Amino acid sequence: MRKAASLEPPRETQKDYESMLAHAKCMRAKGVSKFTNPRLQDGNVIPGGDPNPTSPEVSSDSSTYKQARQACKGKLLDGLDGRQ
């Protein structure tokens, strides 16, 4: 797995962060009010999303979530969908 990851071109952390931030803002604007912002930590982007993944507060099965995902998917750069 590490070998495969090393073959990927390097990502630009700031651009990834800005893309995820725009996506999080869009998700909240479309009705998923608890969708959190990504964070920068130790030079890496920590994705946003459910504020409490071990006890989910955001239902990815709800129609509001699904509609928001569809409406906001263009905010994420290639390769980031599914990370947030």
N, C-alpha and C. Protein backbone atom coordinates (compact mmCIF):
# COMPACT_ATOMS: atom_id res chain seq x y z
N MET A 1 0.83 -1.19 0.00
CA MET A 1 0.00 0.00 0.00
C MET A 1 0.88 1.26 0.00
N ARG A 2 1.92 1.25 0.82
CA ARG A 2 2.81 2.42 0.86
C ARG A 2 3.48 2.65 -0.48
N LYS A 3 3.84 1.55 -1.15
CA LYS A 3 4.48 1.67 -2.45
C LYS A 3 3.53 2.33 -3.45
N ALA A 4 2.27 1.92 -3.42
CA ALA A 4 1.27 2.51 -4.32
C ALA A 4 1.08 3.99 -4.00
N ALA A 5 1.04 4.34 -2.71
CA ALA A 5 0.86 5.73 -2.32
C ALA A 5 2.05 6.58 -2.75
N SER A 6 3.22 6.00 -2.77
CA SER A 6 4.40 6.76 -3.17
C SER A 6 4.42 7.06 -4.67
N LEU A 7 3.63 6.33 -5.44
CA LEU A 7 3.55 6.56 -6.88
C LEU A 7 2.63 7.72 -7.25
N GLU A 8 1.77 8.11 -6.30
CA GLU A 8 0.86 9.23 -6.55
C GLU A 8 1.65 10.53 -6.60
N PRO A 9 1.25 11.46 -7.47
CA PRO A 9 1.93 12.75 -7.47
C PRO A 9 1.68 13.47 -6.15
N PRO A 10 2.63 14.27 -5.69
CA PRO A 10 2.42 14.98 -4.42
C PRO A 10 1.24 15.93 -4.50
N ARG A 11 0.51 16.04 -3.41
CA ARG A 11 -0.65 16.92 -3.35
C ARG A 11 -0.21 18.25 -2.76
N GLU A 12 -0.92 19.30 -3.11
CA GLU A 12 -0.65 20.63 -2.56
C GLU A 12 -1.58 20.83 -1.37
N THR A 13 -1.02 20.79 -0.18
CA THR A 13 -1.79 20.83 1.05
C THR A 13 -2.73 22.02 1.12
N GLN A 14 -2.24 23.20 0.79
CA GLN A 14 -3.08 24.41 0.89
C GLN A 14 -4.27 24.33 -0.06
N LYS A 15 -4.05 23.86 -1.27
CA LYS A 15 -5.16 23.73 -2.24
C LYS A 15 -6.16 22.68 -1.78
N ASP A 16 -5.65 21.56 -1.25
CA ASP A 16 -6.55 20.53 -0.73
C ASP A 16 -7.40 21.09 0.41
N TYR A 17 -6.74 21.82 1.32
CA TYR A 17 -7.45 22.41 2.46
C TYR A 17 -8.55 23.37 1.98
N GLU A 18 -8.20 24.26 1.05
CA GLU A 18 -9.17 25.23 0.55
C GLU A 18 -10.34 24.54 -0.15
N SER A 19 -10.06 23.48 -0.87
CA SER A 19 -11.11 22.72 -1.54
C SER A 19 -12.04 22.07 -0.52
N MET A 20 -11.46 21.43 0.49
CA MET A 20 -12.27 20.80 1.52
C MET A 20 -13.05 21.82 2.34
N LEU A 21 -12.47 22.99 2.57
CA LEU A 21 -13.17 24.05 3.31
C LEU A 21 -14.37 24.54 2.51
N ALA A 22 -14.19 24.76 1.22
CA ALA A 22 -15.30 25.19 0.37
C ALA A 22 -16.40 24.13 0.36
N HIS A 23 -16.01 22.87 0.32
CA HIS A 23 -16.97 21.77 0.34
C HIS A 23 -17.75 21.75 1.65
N ALA A 24 -17.05 21.91 2.78
CA ALA A 24 -17.71 21.90 4.09
C ALA A 24 -18.70 23.06 4.21
N LYS A 25 -18.31 24.23 3.75
CA LYS A 25 -19.21 25.39 3.80
C LYS A 25 -20.45 25.14 2.94
N CYS A 26 -20.24 24.54 1.78
CA CYS A 26 -21.35 24.23 0.88
C CYS A 26 -22.29 23.21 1.53
N MET A 27 -21.73 22.19 2.16
CA MET A 27 -22.56 21.17 2.81
C MET A 27 -23.45 21.80 3.89
N ARG A 28 -22.87 22.71 4.67
CA ARG A 28 -23.68 23.37 5.70
C ARG A 28 -24.74 24.26 5.06
N ALA A 29 -24.38 24.97 4.00
CA ALA A 29 -25.33 25.85 3.32
C ALA A 29 -26.50 25.05 2.72
N LYS A 30 -26.24 23.79 2.39
CA LYS A 30 -27.27 22.93 1.79
C LYS A 30 -28.04 22.12 2.82
N GLY A 31 -27.83 22.42 4.12
CA GLY A 31 -28.66 21.81 5.15
C GLY A 31 -28.00 20.81 6.08
N VAL A 32 -26.72 20.50 5.87
CA VAL A 32 -26.03 19.56 6.75
C VAL A 32 -25.27 20.41 7.77
N SER A 33 -26.01 20.94 8.75
CA SER A 33 -25.50 21.97 9.66
C SER A 33 -24.34 21.52 10.54
N LYS A 34 -24.21 20.24 10.81
CA LYS A 34 -23.14 19.76 11.70
C LYS A 34 -21.87 19.35 10.97
N PHE A 35 -21.83 19.54 9.66
CA PHE A 35 -20.65 19.18 8.87
C PHE A 35 -19.50 20.12 9.26
N THR A 36 -18.41 19.57 9.76
CA THR A 36 -17.32 20.39 10.28
C THR A 36 -16.29 20.74 9.19
N ASN A 37 -15.53 21.80 9.47
CA ASN A 37 -14.45 22.23 8.58
C ASN A 37 -13.25 21.29 8.69
N PRO A 38 -12.45 21.22 7.63
CA PRO A 38 -11.19 20.49 7.72
C PRO A 38 -10.23 21.29 8.60
N ARG A 39 -9.14 20.64 9.02
CA ARG A 39 -8.12 21.32 9.82
C ARG A 39 -6.75 21.04 9.22
N LEU A 40 -5.85 21.99 9.40
CA LEU A 40 -4.45 21.77 9.06
C LEU A 40 -3.73 21.37 10.33
N GLN A 41 -3.00 20.25 10.26
CA GLN A 41 -2.28 19.77 11.43
C GLN A 41 -0.98 19.12 10.99
N ASP A 42 0.13 19.63 11.49
CA ASP A 42 1.46 19.08 11.18
C ASP A 42 1.70 18.96 9.68
N GLY A 43 1.26 19.94 8.92
CA GLY A 43 1.48 19.95 7.48
C GLY A 43 0.55 19.06 6.70
N ASN A 44 -0.46 18.51 7.35
CA ASN A 44 -1.44 17.65 6.68
C ASN A 44 -2.84 18.22 6.84
N VAL A 45 -3.71 17.83 5.93
CA VAL A 45 -5.11 18.23 6.02
C VAL A 45 -5.90 17.11 6.69
N ILE A 46 -6.59 17.47 7.77
CA ILE A 46 -7.48 16.53 8.44
C ILE A 46 -8.88 16.84 7.93
N PRO A 47 -9.50 15.90 7.21
CA PRO A 47 -10.82 16.18 6.62
C PRO A 47 -11.87 16.56 7.65
N GLY A 48 -12.84 17.32 7.19
CA GLY A 48 -13.99 17.65 8.01
C GLY A 48 -15.06 16.59 7.82
N GLY A 49 -16.25 16.90 8.27
CA GLY A 49 -17.36 15.96 8.12
C GLY A 49 -18.10 15.82 9.42
N ASP A 50 -18.37 14.60 9.79
CA ASP A 50 -19.12 14.33 11.02
C ASP A 50 -18.27 14.72 12.23
N PRO A 51 -18.81 15.54 13.12
CA PRO A 51 -18.03 15.96 14.28
C PRO A 51 -17.71 14.83 15.26
N ASN A 52 -18.45 13.73 15.18
CA ASN A 52 -18.24 12.63 16.11
C ASN A 52 -18.42 11.30 15.37
N PRO A 53 -17.41 10.89 14.59
CA PRO A 53 -17.58 9.68 13.76
C PRO A 53 -17.85 8.40 14.55
N THR A 54 -17.41 8.33 15.80
CA THR A 54 -17.66 7.11 16.58
C THR A 54 -19.11 7.01 17.03
N SER A 55 -19.78 8.15 17.08
CA SER A 55 -21.21 8.19 17.39
C SER A 55 -21.83 9.22 16.43
N PRO A 56 -22.02 8.82 15.17
CA PRO A 56 -22.38 9.76 14.10
C PRO A 56 -23.53 10.70 14.41
N GLU A 57 -23.30 11.96 14.08
CA GLU A 57 -24.32 13.00 14.20
C GLU A 57 -24.82 13.43 12.82
N VAL A 58 -24.13 12.99 11.78
CA VAL A 58 -24.51 13.31 10.40
C VAL A 58 -24.87 12.00 9.72
N SER A 59 -26.10 11.89 9.25
CA SER A 59 -26.55 10.67 8.59
C SER A 59 -26.28 10.76 7.09
N SER A 60 -25.34 9.95 6.63
CA SER A 60 -25.04 9.95 5.19
C SER A 60 -26.14 9.28 4.38
N ASP A 61 -27.11 8.69 5.06
CA ASP A 61 -28.25 8.06 4.37
C ASP A 61 -29.43 9.00 4.19
N SER A 62 -29.38 10.17 4.85
CA SER A 62 -30.52 11.09 4.75
C SER A 62 -30.58 11.73 3.36
N SER A 63 -31.79 12.08 2.95
CA SER A 63 -31.96 12.72 1.64
C SER A 63 -31.28 14.10 1.61
N THR A 64 -31.29 14.81 2.74
CA THR A 64 -30.63 16.12 2.81
C THR A 64 -29.14 15.97 2.55
N TYR A 65 -28.51 14.99 3.20
CA TYR A 65 -27.08 14.75 3.02
C TYR A 65 -26.78 14.37 1.56
N LYS A 66 -27.56 13.46 1.01
CA LYS A 66 -27.32 13.01 -0.36
C LYS A 66 -27.47 14.16 -1.35
N GLN A 67 -28.47 15.01 -1.16
CA GLN A 67 -28.66 16.15 -2.05
C GLN A 67 -27.51 17.15 -1.90
N ALA A 68 -27.06 17.37 -0.67
CA ALA A 68 -25.94 18.29 -0.43
C ALA A 68 -24.67 17.74 -1.06
N ARG A 69 -24.41 16.44 -0.92
CA ARG A 69 -23.21 15.82 -1.52
C ARG A 69 -23.22 16.05 -3.03
N GLN A 70 -24.36 15.84 -3.64
CA GLN A 70 -24.47 16.01 -5.09
C GLN A 70 -24.24 17.47 -5.47
N ALA A 71 -24.84 18.38 -4.74
CA ALA A 71 -24.73 19.81 -5.05
C ALA A 71 -23.32 20.34 -4.81
N CYS A 72 -22.59 19.76 -3.86
CA CYS A 72 -21.29 20.30 -3.44
C CYS A 72 -20.09 19.53 -3.98
N LYS A 73 -20.32 18.45 -4.71
CA LYS A 73 -19.21 17.61 -5.14
C LYS A 73 -18.20 18.35 -6.01
N GLY A 74 -18.64 19.36 -6.72
CA GLY A 74 -17.73 20.13 -7.57
C GLY A 74 -16.75 20.99 -6.80
N LYS A 75 -16.96 21.14 -5.51
CA LYS A 75 -16.05 21.93 -4.67
C LYS A 75 -14.76 21.17 -4.36
N LEU A 76 -14.81 19.84 -4.43
CA LEU A 76 -13.65 19.02 -4.08
C LEU A 76 -12.76 18.80 -5.30
N LEU A 77 -11.47 18.94 -5.09
CA LEU A 77 -10.51 18.65 -6.15
C LEU A 77 -10.49 17.16 -6.44
N ASP A 78 -10.03 16.79 -7.62
CA ASP A 78 -9.91 15.37 -7.97
C ASP A 78 -9.09 14.64 -6.92
N GLY A 79 -9.54 13.48 -6.54
CA GLY A 79 -8.84 12.67 -5.57
C GLY A 79 -9.24 12.91 -4.13
N LEU A 80 -10.06 13.93 -3.89
CA LEU A 80 -10.48 14.22 -2.51
C LEU A 80 -11.86 13.71 -2.18
N ASP A 81 -12.66 13.38 -3.19
CA ASP A 81 -13.99 12.88 -2.91
C ASP A 81 -13.86 11.55 -2.16
N GLY A 82 -14.63 11.42 -1.12
CA GLY A 82 -14.55 10.22 -0.30
C GLY A 82 -13.65 10.38 0.91
N ARG A 83 -12.84 11.42 0.92
CA ARG A 83 -11.99 11.69 2.08
C ARG A 83 -12.72 12.55 3.08
N GLN A 84 -13.76 13.23 2.62
CA GLN A 84 -14.48 14.16 3.51
C GLN A 84 -15.95 13.86 3.44
